[in-house]
Amino acid sequence: MTDKNSPICGADLERWRLANGLTMASAADALGLQTVRWSEYTNDKNAALPIPDPAVAILLQLYTRFPDSSPIARSLDIREFSEALGFEGSRGDVVHFAALIGRSKASAHRLLRQNGTPGRPTIRLADAIRRLSLTKEEALRVLTQVVEDVGSRQGRPDVLERGWEGSE
């Protein structure tokens, strides 16, 4: 917040989003807003106006004072997630990681080597694994088992060897 006595405005929302490394969609979701509403509050025309919804202003104040209260700590760093599972970035690692996150090899390559932006399902998958608070080995085992189960059910029993090509 700019000044503790000034009204909470759209610019405060945007500063909070940037300070926490969140995408617009993640920040809006954390505050219970649709992205259209977020854009309305933070656009150049309205950024200096007080937030009309007191619940949003209260949430922002709470998240600012008590960061642990926020449902989203920061946006997904896909490389960090890959490393947390024990991958080091070799070609074989990219192929295996692609299968584990339900993406093609080319998509995983873009994400890991070309700073691509993961889609919402990939973000939610990483969040779900992180919430389990497992060791690296346990997380990799759980994710591998789930992917094998899904591959079998989706008619791709060899998904860990062949990947998800053609299924995205």
N, C-alpha and C. Protein backbone atom coordinates (compact mmCIF):
# COMPACT_ATOMS: atom_id res chain seq x y z
N MET A 1 0.85 -1.16 0.00
CA MET A 1 0.00 0.00 0.00
C MET A 1 0.90 1.23 0.00
N THR A 2 0.48 2.22 -0.72
CA THR A 2 1.28 3.43 -0.83
C THR A 2 1.35 4.17 0.49
N ASP A 3 0.22 4.48 1.05
CA ASP A 3 0.12 5.23 2.30
C ASP A 3 -0.97 4.56 3.13
N LYS A 4 -0.67 4.29 4.40
CA LYS A 4 -1.63 3.54 5.20
C LYS A 4 -2.93 4.30 5.45
N ASN A 5 -2.98 5.59 5.11
CA ASN A 5 -4.20 6.37 5.29
C ASN A 5 -4.96 6.60 3.99
N SER A 6 -4.36 6.28 2.87
CA SER A 6 -5.05 6.50 1.59
C SER A 6 -5.91 5.30 1.25
N PRO A 7 -6.95 5.50 0.45
CA PRO A 7 -7.82 4.38 0.07
C PRO A 7 -7.04 3.31 -0.70
N ILE A 8 -7.46 2.07 -0.54
CA ILE A 8 -6.87 0.98 -1.30
C ILE A 8 -7.45 1.05 -2.71
N CYS A 9 -6.54 1.10 -3.69
CA CYS A 9 -6.98 1.31 -5.07
C CYS A 9 -6.41 0.22 -5.98
N GLY A 10 -6.79 0.31 -7.25
CA GLY A 10 -6.34 -0.68 -8.23
C GLY A 10 -4.82 -0.73 -8.36
N ALA A 11 -4.17 0.40 -8.23
CA ALA A 11 -2.70 0.41 -8.30
C ALA A 11 -2.11 -0.43 -7.17
N ASP A 12 -2.75 -0.45 -6.00
CA ASP A 12 -2.29 -1.29 -4.90
C ASP A 12 -2.41 -2.77 -5.26
N LEU A 13 -3.50 -3.13 -5.94
CA LEU A 13 -3.67 -4.51 -6.38
C LEU A 13 -2.52 -4.91 -7.31
N GLU A 14 -2.23 -4.03 -8.24
CA GLU A 14 -1.19 -4.33 -9.22
C GLU A 14 0.19 -4.38 -8.56
N ARG A 15 0.48 -3.50 -7.62
CA ARG A 15 1.76 -3.54 -6.91
C ARG A 15 1.90 -4.85 -6.14
N TRP A 16 0.82 -5.28 -5.49
CA TRP A 16 0.84 -6.55 -4.75
C TRP A 16 1.09 -7.71 -5.70
N ARG A 17 0.42 -7.70 -6.85
CA ARG A 17 0.60 -8.78 -7.84
C ARG A 17 2.05 -8.86 -8.28
N LEU A 18 2.63 -7.74 -8.65
CA LEU A 18 4.00 -7.71 -9.13
C LEU A 18 5.00 -8.09 -8.03
N ALA A 19 4.77 -7.59 -6.83
CA ALA A 19 5.68 -7.89 -5.71
C ALA A 19 5.70 -9.38 -5.39
N ASN A 20 4.61 -10.07 -5.70
CA ASN A 20 4.52 -11.50 -5.40
C ASN A 20 4.74 -12.39 -6.62
N GLY A 21 5.08 -11.77 -7.76
CA GLY A 21 5.38 -12.53 -8.96
C GLY A 21 4.20 -13.32 -9.49
N LEU A 22 3.01 -12.78 -9.33
CA LEU A 22 1.80 -13.50 -9.75
C LEU A 22 1.37 -13.07 -11.15
N THR A 23 0.76 -13.99 -11.86
CA THR A 23 0.11 -13.63 -13.11
C THR A 23 -1.16 -12.88 -12.77
N MET A 24 -1.70 -12.18 -13.73
CA MET A 24 -2.96 -11.47 -13.49
C MET A 24 -4.06 -12.45 -13.10
N ALA A 25 -4.12 -13.59 -13.77
CA ALA A 25 -5.16 -14.58 -13.47
C ALA A 25 -5.00 -15.12 -12.05
N SER A 26 -3.78 -15.40 -11.62
CA SER A 26 -3.54 -15.92 -10.27
C SER A 26 -3.89 -14.89 -9.21
N ALA A 27 -3.50 -13.66 -9.45
CA ALA A 27 -3.79 -12.59 -8.49
C ALA A 27 -5.30 -12.37 -8.38
N ALA A 28 -5.97 -12.33 -9.52
CA ALA A 28 -7.42 -12.15 -9.52
C ALA A 28 -8.09 -13.30 -8.77
N ASP A 29 -7.66 -14.50 -9.06
CA ASP A 29 -8.22 -15.68 -8.40
C ASP A 29 -8.01 -15.63 -6.89
N ALA A 30 -6.83 -15.20 -6.46
CA ALA A 30 -6.53 -15.12 -5.02
C ALA A 30 -7.45 -14.13 -4.31
N LEU A 31 -7.94 -13.15 -5.05
CA LEU A 31 -8.83 -12.15 -4.46
C LEU A 31 -10.29 -12.42 -4.80
N GLY A 32 -10.56 -13.54 -5.42
CA GLY A 32 -11.93 -13.90 -5.74
C GLY A 32 -12.53 -13.10 -6.88
N LEU A 33 -11.68 -12.57 -7.74
CA LEU A 33 -12.15 -11.74 -8.85
C LEU A 33 -12.03 -12.47 -10.17
N GLN A 34 -12.91 -12.13 -11.09
CA GLN A 34 -12.72 -12.56 -12.46
C GLN A 34 -11.66 -11.65 -13.06
N THR A 35 -10.94 -12.15 -14.06
CA THR A 35 -9.87 -11.34 -14.65
C THR A 35 -10.42 -10.06 -15.28
N VAL A 36 -11.64 -10.09 -15.75
CA VAL A 36 -12.25 -8.89 -16.32
C VAL A 36 -12.38 -7.80 -15.24
N ARG A 37 -12.80 -8.20 -14.05
CA ARG A 37 -12.94 -7.26 -12.94
C ARG A 37 -11.56 -6.74 -12.52
N TRP A 38 -10.58 -7.65 -12.46
CA TRP A 38 -9.21 -7.24 -12.13
C TRP A 38 -8.75 -6.15 -13.10
N SER A 39 -8.94 -6.41 -14.38
CA SER A 39 -8.54 -5.44 -15.41
C SER A 39 -9.25 -4.11 -15.24
N GLU A 40 -10.52 -4.19 -14.88
CA GLU A 40 -11.29 -2.97 -14.65
C GLU A 40 -10.70 -2.16 -13.49
N TYR A 41 -10.37 -2.83 -12.41
CA TYR A 41 -9.83 -2.13 -11.23
C TYR A 41 -8.43 -1.56 -11.47
N THR A 42 -7.64 -2.23 -12.31
CA THR A 42 -6.23 -1.86 -12.44
C THR A 42 -5.88 -1.11 -13.73
N ASN A 43 -6.86 -0.90 -14.60
CA ASN A 43 -6.53 -0.20 -15.85
C ASN A 43 -6.15 1.26 -15.58
N ASP A 44 -5.54 1.90 -16.54
CA ASP A 44 -5.04 3.28 -16.37
C ASP A 44 -6.13 4.24 -15.90
N LYS A 45 -7.33 4.05 -16.38
CA LYS A 45 -8.44 4.94 -16.05
C LYS A 45 -8.87 4.82 -14.58
N ASN A 46 -8.81 3.59 -14.03
CA ASN A 46 -9.35 3.34 -12.69
C ASN A 46 -8.31 3.02 -11.61
N ALA A 47 -7.05 2.91 -11.97
CA ALA A 47 -6.02 2.45 -11.03
C ALA A 47 -5.91 3.31 -9.77
N ALA A 48 -6.23 4.58 -9.87
CA ALA A 48 -6.11 5.47 -8.70
C ALA A 48 -7.41 5.57 -7.90
N LEU A 49 -8.47 4.91 -8.38
CA LEU A 49 -9.76 4.97 -7.69
C LEU A 49 -9.83 3.92 -6.58
N PRO A 50 -10.53 4.22 -5.50
CA PRO A 50 -10.69 3.23 -4.42
C PRO A 50 -11.38 1.96 -4.94
N ILE A 51 -10.98 0.83 -4.43
CA ILE A 51 -11.62 -0.44 -4.79
C ILE A 51 -13.05 -0.40 -4.26
N PRO A 52 -14.04 -0.60 -5.13
CA PRO A 52 -15.43 -0.49 -4.68
C PRO A 52 -15.91 -1.67 -3.81
N ASP A 53 -15.25 -2.80 -3.87
CA ASP A 53 -15.67 -3.97 -3.10
C ASP A 53 -14.83 -4.06 -1.83
N PRO A 54 -15.43 -3.81 -0.66
CA PRO A 54 -14.67 -3.84 0.59
C PRO A 54 -14.02 -5.20 0.87
N ALA A 55 -14.65 -6.30 0.46
CA ALA A 55 -14.07 -7.62 0.71
C ALA A 55 -12.73 -7.77 -0.02
N VAL A 56 -12.63 -7.23 -1.22
CA VAL A 56 -11.39 -7.29 -1.98
C VAL A 56 -10.31 -6.47 -1.28
N ALA A 57 -10.68 -5.28 -0.82
CA ALA A 57 -9.72 -4.43 -0.11
C ALA A 57 -9.28 -5.09 1.20
N ILE A 58 -10.20 -5.73 1.89
CA ILE A 58 -9.87 -6.42 3.14
C ILE A 58 -8.90 -7.57 2.85
N LEU A 59 -9.19 -8.36 1.82
CA LEU A 59 -8.30 -9.47 1.45
C LEU A 59 -6.90 -8.97 1.11
N LEU A 60 -6.84 -7.90 0.33
CA LEU A 60 -5.53 -7.36 -0.04
C LEU A 60 -4.76 -6.92 1.20
N GLN A 61 -5.43 -6.24 2.10
CA GLN A 61 -4.78 -5.80 3.34
C GLN A 61 -4.31 -7.00 4.16
N LEU A 62 -5.14 -8.02 4.26
CA LEU A 62 -4.78 -9.24 4.99
C LEU A 62 -3.57 -9.92 4.36
N TYR A 63 -3.60 -10.09 3.03
CA TYR A 63 -2.49 -10.73 2.33
C TYR A 63 -1.20 -9.92 2.46
N THR A 64 -1.32 -8.61 2.50
CA THR A 64 -0.15 -7.75 2.62
C THR A 64 0.44 -7.83 4.02
N ARG A 65 -0.40 -7.78 5.02
CA ARG A 65 0.08 -7.85 6.41
C ARG A 65 0.52 -9.25 6.81
N PHE A 66 -0.18 -10.25 6.31
CA PHE A 66 0.09 -11.64 6.67
C PHE A 66 0.24 -12.47 5.39
N PRO A 67 1.41 -12.40 4.74
CA PRO A 67 1.59 -13.10 3.46
C PRO A 67 1.24 -14.58 3.49
N ASP A 68 1.40 -15.22 4.65
CA ASP A 68 1.05 -16.65 4.72
C ASP A 68 -0.45 -16.90 4.58
N SER A 69 -1.26 -15.86 4.71
CA SER A 69 -2.71 -16.02 4.56
C SER A 69 -3.11 -16.12 3.09
N SER A 70 -2.23 -15.72 2.20
CA SER A 70 -2.54 -15.75 0.77
C SER A 70 -2.57 -17.18 0.27
N PRO A 71 -3.56 -17.54 -0.56
CA PRO A 71 -3.62 -18.90 -1.07
C PRO A 71 -2.54 -19.20 -2.10
N ILE A 72 -1.91 -18.18 -2.61
CA ILE A 72 -0.88 -18.36 -3.63
C ILE A 72 0.35 -17.57 -3.23
N ALA A 73 1.44 -18.27 -3.01
CA ALA A 73 2.66 -17.59 -2.61
C ALA A 73 3.30 -16.87 -3.78
N ARG A 74 3.35 -17.52 -4.93
CA ARG A 74 3.95 -16.91 -6.11
C ARG A 74 3.62 -17.78 -7.31
N SER A 75 3.88 -17.24 -8.49
CA SER A 75 3.59 -18.03 -9.68
C SER A 75 4.60 -19.17 -9.83
N LEU A 76 4.22 -20.16 -10.57
CA LEU A 76 5.02 -21.36 -10.74
C LEU A 76 6.29 -21.06 -11.51
N ASP A 77 7.42 -21.48 -10.96
CA ASP A 77 8.68 -21.52 -11.69
C ASP A 77 8.82 -22.96 -12.14
N ILE A 78 8.56 -23.21 -13.42
CA ILE A 78 8.51 -24.57 -13.93
C ILE A 78 9.86 -25.27 -13.81
N ARG A 79 10.94 -24.53 -13.98
CA ARG A 79 12.27 -25.14 -13.82
C ARG A 79 12.48 -25.58 -12.37
N GLU A 80 12.06 -24.73 -11.43
CA GLU A 80 12.18 -25.06 -10.01
C GLU A 80 11.37 -26.32 -9.69
N PHE A 81 10.17 -26.42 -10.25
CA PHE A 81 9.34 -27.59 -10.03
C PHE A 81 10.02 -28.84 -10.58
N SER A 82 10.58 -28.72 -11.78
CA SER A 82 11.29 -29.83 -12.40
C SER A 82 12.47 -30.27 -11.53
N GLU A 83 13.22 -29.31 -11.04
CA GLU A 83 14.37 -29.62 -10.17
C GLU A 83 13.91 -30.22 -8.85
N ALA A 84 12.77 -29.77 -8.33
CA ALA A 84 12.24 -30.32 -7.08
C ALA A 84 11.88 -31.79 -7.21
N LEU A 85 11.63 -32.22 -8.44
CA LEU A 85 11.34 -33.63 -8.70
C LEU A 85 12.62 -34.42 -8.99
N GLY A 86 13.75 -33.72 -9.01
CA GLY A 86 15.03 -34.39 -9.21
C GLY A 86 15.57 -34.34 -10.63
N PHE A 87 14.92 -33.61 -11.51
CA PHE A 87 15.41 -33.53 -12.89
C PHE A 87 16.48 -32.46 -13.00
N GLU A 88 17.48 -32.75 -13.83
CA GLU A 88 18.62 -31.84 -13.96
C GLU A 88 18.66 -31.14 -15.30
N GLY A 89 17.74 -31.43 -16.19
CA GLY A 89 17.66 -30.70 -17.45
C GLY A 89 18.23 -31.40 -18.66
N SER A 90 18.65 -32.66 -18.52
CA SER A 90 19.14 -33.38 -19.69
C SER A 90 17.97 -33.64 -20.65
N ARG A 91 18.29 -34.05 -21.86
CA ARG A 91 17.24 -34.33 -22.84
C ARG A 91 16.29 -35.41 -22.31
N GLY A 92 16.83 -36.45 -21.71
CA GLY A 92 16.01 -37.51 -21.14
C GLY A 92 15.13 -37.00 -20.02
N ASP A 93 15.67 -36.07 -19.22
CA ASP A 93 14.87 -35.47 -18.15
C ASP A 93 13.70 -34.69 -18.70
N VAL A 94 13.93 -33.94 -19.77
CA VAL A 94 12.85 -33.15 -20.37
C VAL A 94 11.75 -34.06 -20.88
N VAL A 95 12.14 -35.17 -21.50
CA VAL A 95 11.17 -36.13 -22.03
C VAL A 95 10.35 -36.74 -20.88
N HIS A 96 11.02 -37.17 -19.82
CA HIS A 96 10.33 -37.77 -18.68
C HIS A 96 9.44 -36.74 -17.98
N PHE A 97 9.96 -35.54 -17.78
CA PHE A 97 9.20 -34.47 -17.14
C PHE A 97 7.95 -34.15 -17.96
N ALA A 98 8.08 -34.12 -19.28
CA ALA A 98 6.94 -33.84 -20.16
C ALA A 98 5.81 -34.83 -19.89
N ALA A 99 6.16 -36.11 -19.80
CA ALA A 99 5.15 -37.14 -19.55
C ALA A 99 4.50 -36.93 -18.19
N LEU A 100 5.30 -36.56 -17.19
CA LEU A 100 4.76 -36.40 -15.84
C LEU A 100 3.83 -35.21 -15.69
N ILE A 101 3.99 -34.21 -16.54
CA ILE A 101 3.10 -33.04 -16.45
C ILE A 101 2.03 -33.05 -17.55
N GLY A 102 1.96 -34.15 -18.28
CA GLY A 102 0.90 -34.28 -19.28
C GLY A 102 1.08 -33.39 -20.49
N ARG A 103 2.32 -33.15 -20.88
CA ARG A 103 2.59 -32.28 -22.02
C ARG A 103 3.51 -32.99 -23.00
N SER A 104 3.54 -32.50 -24.22
CA SER A 104 4.42 -33.06 -25.24
C SER A 104 5.87 -32.69 -24.93
N LYS A 105 6.79 -33.39 -25.55
CA LYS A 105 8.21 -33.09 -25.38
C LYS A 105 8.50 -31.66 -25.84
N ALA A 106 7.90 -31.27 -26.95
CA ALA A 106 8.14 -29.92 -27.47
C ALA A 106 7.62 -28.86 -26.49
N SER A 107 6.47 -29.12 -25.89
CA SER A 107 5.92 -28.19 -24.92
C SER A 107 6.82 -28.08 -23.69
N ALA A 108 7.29 -29.21 -23.18
CA ALA A 108 8.19 -29.20 -22.02
C ALA A 108 9.49 -28.50 -22.37
N HIS A 109 9.97 -28.70 -23.57
CA HIS A 109 11.19 -28.02 -24.01
C HIS A 109 10.99 -26.50 -23.98
N ARG A 110 9.86 -26.04 -24.52
CA ARG A 110 9.56 -24.59 -24.50
C ARG A 110 9.49 -24.08 -23.06
N LEU A 111 8.84 -24.84 -22.19
CA LEU A 111 8.70 -24.42 -20.80
C LEU A 111 10.04 -24.34 -20.09
N LEU A 112 10.86 -25.35 -20.26
CA LEU A 112 12.11 -25.45 -19.50
C LEU A 112 13.29 -24.72 -20.13
N ARG A 113 13.33 -24.67 -21.44
CA ARG A 113 14.53 -24.12 -22.09
C ARG A 113 14.29 -22.78 -22.77
N GLN A 114 13.04 -22.42 -22.98
CA GLN A 114 12.77 -21.16 -23.67
C GLN A 114 11.88 -20.25 -22.84
N ASN A 115 11.87 -20.47 -21.53
CA ASN A 115 11.09 -19.63 -20.60
C ASN A 115 9.62 -19.53 -20.99
N GLY A 116 9.04 -20.65 -21.40
CA GLY A 116 7.63 -20.67 -21.74
C GLY A 116 6.77 -20.48 -20.50
N THR A 117 5.52 -20.14 -20.71
CA THR A 117 4.58 -19.94 -19.61
C THR A 117 3.68 -21.15 -19.49
N PRO A 118 3.72 -21.82 -18.34
CA PRO A 118 2.86 -23.00 -18.17
C PRO A 118 1.39 -22.61 -18.14
N GLY A 119 0.55 -23.49 -18.66
CA GLY A 119 -0.89 -23.26 -18.62
C GLY A 119 -1.45 -23.56 -17.24
N ARG A 120 -2.70 -23.19 -17.04
CA ARG A 120 -3.31 -23.35 -15.72
C ARG A 120 -3.35 -24.80 -15.24
N PRO A 121 -3.63 -25.78 -16.12
CA PRO A 121 -3.60 -27.16 -15.62
C PRO A 121 -2.22 -27.57 -15.09
N THR A 122 -1.17 -27.13 -15.76
CA THR A 122 0.19 -27.45 -15.32
C THR A 122 0.49 -26.77 -13.98
N ILE A 123 0.06 -25.53 -13.85
CA ILE A 123 0.24 -24.80 -12.59
C ILE A 123 -0.49 -25.50 -11.46
N ARG A 124 -1.73 -25.89 -11.70
CA ARG A 124 -2.51 -26.57 -10.67
C ARG A 124 -1.90 -27.92 -10.31
N LEU A 125 -1.34 -28.63 -11.30
CA LEU A 125 -0.69 -29.90 -11.04
C LEU A 125 0.52 -29.70 -10.12
N ALA A 126 1.35 -28.73 -10.43
CA ALA A 126 2.52 -28.45 -9.59
C ALA A 126 2.09 -28.04 -8.19
N ASP A 127 1.06 -27.20 -8.10
CA ASP A 127 0.56 -26.78 -6.78
C ASP A 127 0.07 -27.98 -5.97
N ALA A 128 -0.63 -28.90 -6.64
CA ALA A 128 -1.16 -30.07 -5.94
C ALA A 128 -0.03 -30.93 -5.39
N ILE A 129 1.01 -31.13 -6.18
CA ILE A 129 2.15 -31.93 -5.72
C ILE A 129 2.86 -31.22 -4.57
N ARG A 130 3.03 -29.92 -4.67
CA ARG A 130 3.71 -29.17 -3.60
C ARG A 130 2.91 -29.21 -2.31
N ARG A 131 1.58 -29.15 -2.40
CA ARG A 131 0.74 -29.18 -1.20
C ARG A 131 0.86 -30.49 -0.43
N LEU A 132 1.28 -31.54 -1.09
CA LEU A 132 1.43 -32.83 -0.42
C LEU A 132 2.65 -32.85 0.51
N SER A 133 3.53 -31.88 0.37
CA SER A 133 4.72 -31.76 1.23
C SER A 133 5.52 -33.07 1.31
N LEU A 134 5.80 -33.61 0.15
CA LEU A 134 6.54 -34.86 0.05
C LEU A 134 8.02 -34.59 -0.20
N THR A 135 8.84 -35.58 0.09
CA THR A 135 10.25 -35.48 -0.30
C THR A 135 10.31 -35.54 -1.83
N LYS A 136 11.46 -35.21 -2.38
CA LYS A 136 11.66 -35.27 -3.83
C LYS A 136 11.34 -36.67 -4.35
N GLU A 137 11.84 -37.68 -3.67
CA GLU A 137 11.63 -39.05 -4.10
C GLU A 137 10.16 -39.45 -4.01
N GLU A 138 9.51 -39.08 -2.91
CA GLU A 138 8.09 -39.40 -2.74
C GLU A 138 7.24 -38.70 -3.79
N ALA A 139 7.53 -37.43 -4.04
CA ALA A 139 6.76 -36.67 -5.04
C ALA A 139 6.90 -37.29 -6.41
N LEU A 140 8.12 -37.66 -6.77
CA LEU A 140 8.35 -38.29 -8.07
C LEU A 140 7.63 -39.63 -8.15
N ARG A 141 7.66 -40.42 -7.08
CA ARG A 141 6.98 -41.72 -7.07
C ARG A 141 5.47 -41.55 -7.20
N VAL A 142 4.89 -40.64 -6.43
CA VAL A 142 3.43 -40.40 -6.48
C VAL A 142 3.03 -39.94 -7.87
N LEU A 143 3.74 -38.97 -8.41
CA LEU A 143 3.39 -38.44 -9.73
C LEU A 143 3.56 -39.51 -10.80
N THR A 144 4.60 -40.30 -10.71
CA THR A 144 4.81 -41.39 -11.67
C THR A 144 3.67 -42.40 -11.61
N GLN A 145 3.26 -42.79 -10.41
CA GLN A 145 2.16 -43.74 -10.26
C GLN A 145 0.86 -43.19 -10.83
N VAL A 146 0.59 -41.91 -10.56
CA VAL A 146 -0.64 -41.29 -11.07
C VAL A 146 -0.60 -41.24 -12.59
N VAL A 147 0.53 -40.85 -13.15
CA VAL A 147 0.66 -40.77 -14.61
C VAL A 147 0.52 -42.15 -15.25
N GLU A 148 1.11 -43.16 -14.64
CA GLU A 148 0.95 -44.52 -15.17
C GLU A 148 -0.52 -44.94 -15.15
N ASP A 149 -1.22 -44.64 -14.07
CA ASP A 149 -2.65 -44.96 -13.98
C ASP A 149 -3.45 -44.23 -15.05
N VAL A 150 -3.19 -42.94 -15.19
CA VAL A 150 -3.92 -42.15 -16.19
C VAL A 150 -3.56 -42.63 -17.60
N GLY A 151 -2.29 -42.89 -17.84
CA GLY A 151 -1.88 -43.39 -19.16
C GLY A 151 -2.61 -44.67 -19.52
N SER A 152 -2.70 -45.58 -18.57
CA SER A 152 -3.41 -46.84 -18.79
C SER A 152 -4.89 -46.58 -19.10
N ARG A 153 -5.50 -45.73 -18.32
CA ARG A 153 -6.93 -45.44 -18.51
C ARG A 153 -7.21 -44.68 -19.80
N GLN A 154 -6.22 -43.90 -20.26
CA GLN A 154 -6.40 -43.10 -21.47
C GLN A 154 -5.90 -43.84 -22.72
N GLY A 155 -5.58 -45.12 -22.57
CA GLY A 155 -5.13 -45.89 -23.72
C GLY A 155 -3.68 -45.63 -24.10
N ARG A 156 -2.88 -45.16 -23.15
CA ARG A 156 -1.47 -44.89 -23.39
C ARG A 156 -0.64 -45.54 -22.27
N PRO A 157 -0.63 -46.89 -22.23
CA PRO A 157 0.06 -47.57 -21.14
C PRO A 157 1.58 -47.35 -21.13
N ASP A 158 2.14 -46.91 -22.25
CA ASP A 158 3.58 -46.67 -22.34
C ASP A 158 3.90 -45.18 -22.30
N VAL A 159 3.05 -44.39 -21.66
CA VAL A 159 3.20 -42.94 -21.68
C VAL A 159 4.55 -42.47 -21.14
N LEU A 160 5.08 -43.15 -20.15
CA LEU A 160 6.36 -42.70 -19.60
C LEU A 160 7.51 -42.91 -20.58
N GLU A 161 7.35 -43.83 -21.51
CA GLU A 161 8.38 -44.05 -22.53
C GLU A 161 8.11 -43.23 -23.79
N ARG A 162 6.85 -43.14 -24.17
CA ARG A 162 6.50 -42.51 -25.45
C ARG A 162 5.97 -41.08 -25.32
N GLY A 163 5.50 -40.72 -24.13
CA GLY A 163 4.98 -39.36 -23.94
C GLY A 163 3.52 -39.23 -24.33
N TRP A 164 3.05 -37.99 -24.28
CA TRP A 164 1.65 -37.67 -24.56
C TRP A 164 1.44 -37.08 -25.94
N GLU A 165 2.43 -37.17 -26.83
CA GLU A 165 2.32 -36.57 -28.15
C GLU A 165 0.96 -36.85 -28.79
N GLY A 166 0.37 -35.80 -29.33
CA GLY A 166 -0.91 -35.94 -30.00
C GLY A 166 -2.12 -35.91 -29.09
N SER A 167 -1.90 -35.74 -27.78
CA SER A 167 -3.06 -35.77 -26.86
C SER A 167 -3.39 -34.40 -26.28
N GLU A 168 -2.61 -33.37 -26.60
CA GLU A 168 -2.86 -32.04 -26.01
C GLU A 168 -3.88 -31.28 -26.82
